[in-house]
Amino acid sequence: MHLGDGLVCEALAKGLHANRWSTGQLIHLAIVLPDEAVQHFERPTDGGPDSWRATTFEGRASGFTFDEPVTAEWGVTLDTLTTKNERTTS
């Protein structure tokens, strides 16, 4: 399993809720974890399940920046989450 897929798996297994928004050319998805940490994912608005990338992880005392691809198998689930709670910002 690639790192990006591992991050998706962990976020989906433990996540409490997801927030989705779009900014110009990107769709952003933030999955909030029980310890209030947030794992972020993004893909181009014209992309598909194979376009997702794991990006920033925000924790209480630390954070990490990733730029890891997510395979289409996990991207399908992220796409499903983006159909709920959409908000658009510019």
Protein backbone atom coordinates (compact mmCIF):
# COMPACT_ATOMS: atom_id res chain seq x y z
CA MET A 1 0.00 0.00 0.00
CA HIS A 2 1.28 3.46 -0.89
CA LEU A 3 1.53 6.22 1.72
CA GLY A 4 -1.37 8.16 0.16
CA ASP A 5 -3.62 5.09 0.35
CA GLY A 6 -2.55 4.47 3.95
CA LEU A 7 -3.48 8.04 4.88
CA VAL A 8 -6.91 7.64 3.27
CA CYS A 9 -7.47 4.29 4.98
CA GLU A 10 -6.56 5.70 8.40
CA ALA A 11 -8.67 8.83 7.93
CA LEU A 12 -11.71 6.84 6.78
CA ALA A 13 -11.38 4.29 9.57
CA LYS A 14 -11.10 6.88 12.35
CA GLY A 15 -12.67 10.02 10.88
CA LEU A 16 -15.64 11.64 12.57
CA HIS A 17 -16.77 13.80 9.66
CA ALA A 18 -15.56 15.31 6.41
CA ASN A 19 -15.74 18.84 5.06
CA ARG A 20 -15.54 19.55 1.34
CA TRP A 21 -15.04 22.79 -0.53
CA SER A 22 -13.69 23.92 -3.86
CA THR A 23 -11.37 26.80 -4.69
CA GLY A 24 -10.97 27.52 -8.34
CA GLN A 25 -9.37 24.48 -9.90
CA LEU A 26 -9.21 22.24 -6.80
CA ILE A 27 -11.60 20.21 -4.69
CA HIS A 28 -10.50 19.98 -1.05
CA LEU A 29 -11.59 17.35 1.46
CA ALA A 30 -10.74 17.57 5.17
CA ILE A 31 -11.40 14.56 7.40
CA VAL A 32 -11.55 15.35 11.11
CA LEU A 33 -10.16 12.68 13.44
CA PRO A 34 -11.18 11.96 17.08
CA ASP A 35 -8.20 13.87 18.50
CA GLU A 36 -9.26 16.93 16.45
CA ALA A 37 -6.43 16.40 13.96
CA VAL A 38 -7.38 16.93 10.31
CA GLN A 39 -6.12 15.04 7.25
CA HIS A 40 -6.51 16.96 3.99
CA PHE A 41 -6.91 15.60 0.46
CA GLU A 42 -7.32 17.42 -2.85
CA ARG A 43 -7.82 16.84 -6.56
CA PRO A 44 -8.41 19.00 -9.64
CA THR A 45 -12.08 19.83 -10.21
CA ASP A 46 -11.91 18.18 -13.61
CA GLY A 47 -10.10 15.11 -12.23
CA GLY A 48 -11.45 11.76 -11.19
CA PRO A 49 -10.80 9.09 -8.56
CA ASP A 50 -7.20 8.64 -9.73
CA SER A 51 -6.44 12.38 -9.30
CA TRP A 52 -6.60 12.58 -5.50
CA ARG A 53 -3.54 13.47 -3.43
CA ALA A 54 -3.00 13.35 0.32
CA THR A 55 -1.79 16.79 1.35
CA THR A 56 -1.63 18.46 4.78
CA PHE A 57 -2.05 16.80 8.17
CA GLU A 58 -2.89 19.21 10.98
CA GLY A 59 -2.47 18.04 14.57
CA ARG A 60 -2.72 19.86 17.88
CA ALA A 61 1.01 20.16 18.40
CA SER A 62 2.36 19.45 14.93
CA GLY A 63 1.64 19.06 11.29
CA PHE A 64 2.99 17.48 8.15
CA THR A 65 2.81 18.36 4.49
CA PHE A 66 2.37 15.50 2.06
CA ASP A 67 2.08 15.36 -1.69
CA GLU A 68 1.22 11.70 -2.02
CA PRO A 69 -0.92 10.16 -4.74
CA VAL A 70 -4.02 8.16 -3.86
CA THR A 71 -4.99 5.21 -6.07
CA ALA A 72 -8.33 5.21 -7.88
CA GLU A 73 -9.64 2.44 -5.60
CA TRP A 74 -9.40 4.79 -2.58
CA GLY A 75 -10.19 7.86 -4.69
CA VAL A 76 -13.67 6.50 -5.43
CA THR A 77 -14.47 6.72 -1.73
CA LEU A 78 -13.09 10.26 -1.51
CA ASP A 79 -15.23 11.20 -4.52
CA THR A 80 -18.27 9.80 -2.70
CA LEU A 81 -17.52 11.97 0.34
CA THR A 82 -17.31 15.07 -1.85
CA THR A 83 -20.96 14.76 -2.83
CA LYS A 84 -21.97 15.85 0.69
CA ASN A 85 -21.51 19.20 2.43
CA GLU A 86 -20.15 21.03 -0.60
CA ARG A 87 -19.25 24.68 -0.26
CA THR A 88 -17.52 26.83 -2.82
CA THR A 89 -15.07 29.61 -2.02
CA SER A 90 -13.08 31.85 -4.27
